[in-house]
Amino acid sequence: MDRPAPRLGTESKTFGQRVGAFLLDALLVGTVFGMLSGLVAALAFVMVPDPTAPAVGAVVAVLQSFTVVAGLAYFVYTEGAYGQTLGKRAVGLVVVDEAGEPIGYADALVRNVLRLVDALPAFFLLGSVLIVLTERGQRLGDLAAETIVVEAK
């Protein structure tokens, strides 16, 4: 997957595409890790047939933590390496710094860790409001990382 060239000046027009990209990425990450979690949970149940055993609860807690970390790693890796996730690629978006240059892993990490704050209080309300209100369509993670999301050429 190559890093696409950005179409600068389109950052304020990408709200709908960003929602679509996020839904596609959430579906992808949720499906992959849901299947893996189900498999590991089934194996744990076979190994410890009593579902109330503390070991089963520990396995579930580890799986939930792994899913969060792996999901974050997906966003950080794909945006840091290619400027876009698979969802952003499908809808024709790319993440760049405010000057239009490619972002790196540190920028991708900052913008994606803050995705948790952008999700507050529910349904990504804070991030959505900021995208609509800021001049360059930036959510909190973009403002902190000094990134913008634009259409790809």
C-alpha atoms as a PDB file:
ATOM      1  CA  MET A   1       0.000   0.000   0.000  1.00  0.00           C
ATOM      2  CA  ASP A   2       1.483   3.351  -1.048  1.00  0.00           C
ATOM      3  CA  ARG A   3       1.041   6.654   0.750  1.00  0.00           C
ATOM      4  CA  PRO A   4      -1.242   8.768  -1.466  1.00  0.00           C
ATOM      5  CA  ALA A   5      -0.613  12.421  -2.253  1.00  0.00           C
ATOM      6  CA  PRO A   6      -2.852  14.832  -0.344  1.00  0.00           C
ATOM      7  CA  ARG A   7      -5.344  17.196  -1.938  1.00  0.00           C
ATOM      8  CA  LEU A   8      -4.708  20.198   0.320  1.00  0.00           C
ATOM      9  CA  GLY A   9      -7.570  22.571   1.042  1.00  0.00           C
ATOM     10  CA  THR A  10     -10.139  19.791   1.333  1.00  0.00           C
ATOM     11  CA  GLU A  11      -9.842  19.259   5.111  1.00  0.00           C
ATOM     12  CA  SER A  12     -13.038  21.140   5.935  1.00  0.00           C
ATOM     13  CA  LYS A  13     -15.068  18.972   3.541  1.00  0.00           C
ATOM     14  CA  THR A  14     -14.256  15.506   4.897  1.00  0.00           C
ATOM     15  CA  PHE A  15     -16.655  15.020   7.825  1.00  0.00           C
ATOM     16  CA  GLY A  16     -18.925  12.454   6.145  1.00  0.00           C
ATOM     17  CA  GLN A  17     -15.984  10.573   4.676  1.00  0.00           C
ATOM     18  CA  ARG A  18     -14.313  10.464   8.112  1.00  0.00           C
ATOM     19  CA  VAL A  19     -17.439   8.963   9.657  1.00  0.00           C
ATOM     20  CA  GLY A  20     -17.575   6.355   6.897  1.00  0.00           C
ATOM     21  CA  ALA A  21     -13.870   5.544   7.274  1.00  0.00           C
ATOM     22  CA  PHE A  22     -14.215   5.142  11.029  1.00  0.00           C
ATOM     23  CA  LEU A  23     -17.219   2.833  10.653  1.00  0.00           C
ATOM     24  CA  LEU A  24     -15.346   0.674   8.137  1.00  0.00           C
ATOM     25  CA  ASP A  25     -12.276   0.509  10.396  1.00  0.00           C
ATOM     26  CA  ALA A  26     -14.417  -0.278  13.458  1.00  0.00           C
ATOM     27  CA  LEU A  27     -16.129  -3.078  11.525  1.00  0.00           C
ATOM     28  CA  LEU A  28     -12.774  -4.486  10.409  1.00  0.00           C
ATOM     29  CA  VAL A  29     -11.095  -4.267  13.826  1.00  0.00           C
ATOM     30  CA  GLY A  30     -14.224  -5.471  15.627  1.00  0.00           C
ATOM     31  CA  THR A  31     -14.649  -8.463  13.332  1.00  0.00           C
ATOM     32  CA  VAL A  32     -11.019  -9.571  13.470  1.00  0.00           C
ATOM     33  CA  PHE A  33     -10.610  -9.174  17.216  1.00  0.00           C
ATOM     34  CA  GLY A  34     -14.103 -10.456  17.940  1.00  0.00           C
ATOM     35  CA  MET A  35     -13.276 -13.692  16.153  1.00  0.00           C
ATOM     36  CA  LEU A  36      -9.928 -13.993  17.907  1.00  0.00           C
ATOM     37  CA  SER A  37     -11.501 -13.235  21.285  1.00  0.00           C
ATOM     38  CA  GLY A  38     -14.204 -15.803  20.704  1.00  0.00           C
ATOM     39  CA  LEU A  39     -11.624 -18.419  19.786  1.00  0.00           C
ATOM     40  CA  VAL A  40      -9.471 -17.720  22.837  1.00  0.00           C
ATOM     41  CA  ALA A  41     -12.532 -17.632  25.115  1.00  0.00           C
ATOM     42  CA  ALA A  42     -13.674 -20.992  23.720  1.00  0.00           C
ATOM     43  CA  LEU A  43     -10.210 -22.440  24.352  1.00  0.00           C
ATOM     44  CA  ALA A  44     -10.231 -21.035  27.887  1.00  0.00           C
ATOM     45  CA  PHE A  45     -13.630 -22.612  28.506  1.00  0.00           C
ATOM     46  CA  VAL A  46     -12.351 -25.988  27.286  1.00  0.00           C
ATOM     47  CA  MET A  47      -9.335 -25.703  29.554  1.00  0.00           C
ATOM     48  CA  VAL A  48     -11.387 -24.418  32.531  1.00  0.00           C
ATOM     49  CA  PRO A  49     -14.948 -25.755  32.115  1.00  0.00           C
ATOM     50  CA  ASP A  50     -16.343 -23.745  35.074  1.00  0.00           C
ATOM     51  CA  PRO A  51     -17.246 -20.287  33.623  1.00  0.00           C
ATOM     52  CA  THR A  52     -17.225 -18.788  37.137  1.00  0.00           C
ATOM     53  CA  ALA A  53     -13.595 -19.786  37.748  1.00  0.00           C
ATOM     54  CA  PRO A  54     -11.259 -16.821  38.293  1.00  0.00           C
ATOM     55  CA  ALA A  55      -9.057 -18.007  35.416  1.00  0.00           C
ATOM     56  CA  VAL A  56     -11.853 -17.385  32.901  1.00  0.00           C
ATOM     57  CA  GLY A  57     -12.324 -13.832  34.175  1.00  0.00           C
ATOM     58  CA  ALA A  58      -8.598 -13.221  33.900  1.00  0.00           C
ATOM     59  CA  VAL A  59      -8.574 -14.484  30.304  1.00  0.00           C
ATOM     60  CA  VAL A  60     -11.471 -12.180  29.412  1.00  0.00           C
ATOM     61  CA  ALA A  61      -9.717  -9.176  31.018  1.00  0.00           C
ATOM     62  CA  VAL A  62      -6.508  -9.914  29.115  1.00  0.00           C
ATOM     63  CA  LEU A  63      -8.458 -10.260  25.863  1.00  0.00           C
ATOM     64  CA  GLN A  64     -10.173  -6.911  26.374  1.00  0.00           C
ATOM     65  CA  SER A  65      -6.851  -5.208  27.074  1.00  0.00           C
ATOM     66  CA  PHE A  66      -5.253  -6.870  24.066  1.00  0.00           C
ATOM     67  CA  THR A  67      -8.113  -5.766  21.827  1.00  0.00           C
ATOM     68  CA  VAL A  68      -7.728  -2.117  22.867  1.00  0.00           C
ATOM     69  CA  VAL A  69      -3.955  -2.166  22.396  1.00  0.00           C
ATOM     70  CA  ALA A  70      -4.153  -4.041  19.085  1.00  0.00           C
ATOM     71  CA  GLY A  71      -6.835  -1.672  17.795  1.00  0.00           C
ATOM     72  CA  LEU A  72      -4.666   1.310  18.702  1.00  0.00           C
ATOM     73  CA  ALA A  73      -1.673  -0.377  17.039  1.00  0.00           C
ATOM     74  CA  TYR A  74      -3.713  -0.844  13.821  1.00  0.00           C
ATOM     75  CA  PHE A  75      -4.520   2.881  13.627  1.00  0.00           C
ATOM     76  CA  VAL A  76      -1.006   4.016  14.594  1.00  0.00           C
ATOM     77  CA  TYR A  77       0.776   1.634  12.217  1.00  0.00           C
ATOM     78  CA  THR A  78      -1.407   2.223   9.160  1.00  0.00           C
ATOM     79  CA  GLU A  79      -1.518   6.003   9.577  1.00  0.00           C
ATOM     80  CA  GLY A  80       2.180   6.249  10.469  1.00  0.00           C
ATOM     81  CA  ALA A  81       3.312   4.047   7.586  1.00  0.00           C
ATOM     82  CA  TYR A  82       0.770   4.920   4.886  1.00  0.00           C
ATOM     83  CA  GLY A  83      -1.053   8.044   6.073  1.00  0.00           C
ATOM     84  CA  GLN A  84      -4.333   6.167   6.067  1.00  0.00           C
ATOM     85  CA  THR A  85      -6.171   3.228   7.526  1.00  0.00           C
ATOM     86  CA  LEU A  86      -8.000   0.774   5.273  1.00  0.00           C
ATOM     87  CA  GLY A  87     -11.209   2.683   5.991  1.00  0.00           C
ATOM     88  CA  LYS A  88      -9.635   6.003   4.999  1.00  0.00           C
ATOM     89  CA  ARG A  89      -8.224   4.362   1.877  1.00  0.00           C
ATOM     90  CA  ALA A  90     -11.683   3.064   0.927  1.00  0.00           C
ATOM     91  CA  VAL A  91     -13.218   6.551   1.161  1.00  0.00           C
ATOM     92  CA  GLY A  92     -10.248   8.432  -0.317  1.00  0.00           C
ATOM     93  CA  LEU A  93      -8.736  10.207   2.697  1.00  0.00           C
ATOM     94  CA  VAL A  94      -5.179  10.676   3.942  1.00  0.00           C
ATOM     95  CA  VAL A  95      -3.730  12.127   7.172  1.00  0.00           C
ATOM     96  CA  VAL A  96      -0.940  14.685   6.798  1.00  0.00           C
ATOM     97  CA  ASP A  97       0.653  17.296   9.025  1.00  0.00           C
ATOM     98  CA  GLU A  98      -0.653  20.860   8.870  1.00  0.00           C
ATOM     99  CA  ALA A  99       1.896  21.722   6.159  1.00  0.00           C
ATOM    100  CA  GLY A 100       0.728  18.820   3.990  1.00  0.00           C
ATOM    101  CA  GLU A 101       3.728  16.595   4.701  1.00  0.00           C
ATOM    102  CA  PRO A 102       3.448  12.894   5.621  1.00  0.00           C
ATOM    103  CA  ILE A 103       2.939  12.104   9.298  1.00  0.00           C
ATOM    104  CA  GLY A 104       5.084   9.673  11.249  1.00  0.00           C
ATOM    105  CA  TYR A 105       4.369   7.156  13.972  1.00  0.00           C
ATOM    106  CA  ALA A 106       4.636   9.726  16.790  1.00  0.00           C
ATOM    107  CA  ASP A 107       1.981  11.939  15.184  1.00  0.00           C
ATOM    108  CA  ALA A 108      -0.223   8.910  14.564  1.00  0.00           C
ATOM    109  CA  LEU A 109       0.183   7.806  18.174  1.00  0.00           C
ATOM    110  CA  VAL A 110      -0.797  11.209  19.575  1.00  0.00           C
ATOM    111  CA  ARG A 111      -3.877  11.593  17.363  1.00  0.00           C
ATOM    112  CA  ASN A 112      -5.061   8.061  18.080  1.00  0.00           C
ATOM    113  CA  VAL A 113      -4.474   8.013  21.842  1.00  0.00           C
ATOM    114  CA  LEU A 114      -6.580  11.168  21.997  1.00  0.00           C
ATOM    115  CA  ARG A 115      -9.301   9.392  20.021  1.00  0.00           C
ATOM    116  CA  LEU A 116     -10.422   8.113  23.445  1.00  0.00           C
ATOM    117  CA  VAL A 117     -11.025  11.711  24.569  1.00  0.00           C
ATOM    118  CA  ASP A 118     -12.636  12.628  21.240  1.00  0.00           C
ATOM    119  CA  ALA A 119     -15.141   9.840  21.896  1.00  0.00           C
ATOM    120  CA  LEU A 120     -16.481  11.614  25.001  1.00  0.00           C
ATOM    121  CA  PRO A 121     -19.082  11.951  26.335  1.00  0.00           C
ATOM    122  CA  ALA A 122     -20.501   9.351  23.916  1.00  0.00           C
ATOM    123  CA  PHE A 123     -20.633   8.563  20.191  1.00  0.00           C
ATOM    124  CA  PHE A 124     -17.549  10.704  19.424  1.00  0.00           C
ATOM    125  CA  LEU A 125     -19.494  13.837  20.261  1.00  0.00           C
ATOM    126  CA  LEU A 126     -16.492  15.971  21.271  1.00  0.00           C
ATOM    127  CA  GLY A 127     -14.472  14.991  18.205  1.00  0.00           C
ATOM    128  CA  SER A 128     -17.430  15.524  15.876  1.00  0.00           C
ATOM    129  CA  VAL A 129     -18.193  18.965  17.297  1.00  0.00           C
ATOM    130  CA  LEU A 130     -14.540  19.999  16.967  1.00  0.00           C
ATOM    131  CA  ILE A 131     -14.357  18.771  13.356  1.00  0.00           C
ATOM    132  CA  VAL A 132     -17.378  20.917  12.508  1.00  0.00           C
ATOM    133  CA  LEU A 133     -16.257  24.001  14.477  1.00  0.00           C
ATOM    134  CA  THR A 134     -12.531  24.165  13.713  1.00  0.00           C
ATOM    135  CA  GLU A 135     -11.406  25.926  10.562  1.00  0.00           C
ATOM    136  CA  ARG A 136      -9.425  22.931   9.289  1.00  0.00           C
ATOM    137  CA  GLY A 137     -11.817  20.196  10.432  1.00  0.00           C
ATOM    138  CA  GLN A 138      -9.599  18.983  13.271  1.00  0.00           C
ATOM    139  CA  ARG A 139     -10.642  16.912  16.262  1.00  0.00           C
ATOM    140  CA  LEU A 140      -8.687  17.103  19.529  1.00  0.00           C
ATOM    141  CA  GLY A 141      -6.244  14.393  18.395  1.00  0.00           C
ATOM    142  CA  ASP A 142      -5.531  16.325  15.191  1.00  0.00           C
ATOM    143  CA  LEU A 143      -5.037  19.594  17.069  1.00  0.00           C
ATOM    144  CA  ALA A 144      -2.567  17.978  19.486  1.00  0.00           C
ATOM    145  CA  ALA A 145      -0.644  16.157  16.739  1.00  0.00           C
ATOM    146  CA  GLU A 146      -0.904  19.114  14.347  1.00  0.00           C
ATOM    147  CA  THR A 147      -2.465  16.933  11.654  1.00  0.00           C
ATOM    148  CA  ILE A 148      -5.295  17.312   9.159  1.00  0.00           C
ATOM    149  CA  VAL A 149      -7.354  14.782   7.253  1.00  0.00           C
ATOM    150  CA  VAL A 150      -7.705  15.619   3.558  1.00  0.00           C
ATOM    151  CA  GLU A 151      -8.876  13.949   0.391  1.00  0.00           C
ATOM    152  CA  ALA A 152      -6.289  11.847  -1.393  1.00  0.00           C
ATOM    153  CA  LYS A 153      -5.328  12.598  -5.006  1.00  0.00           C
END
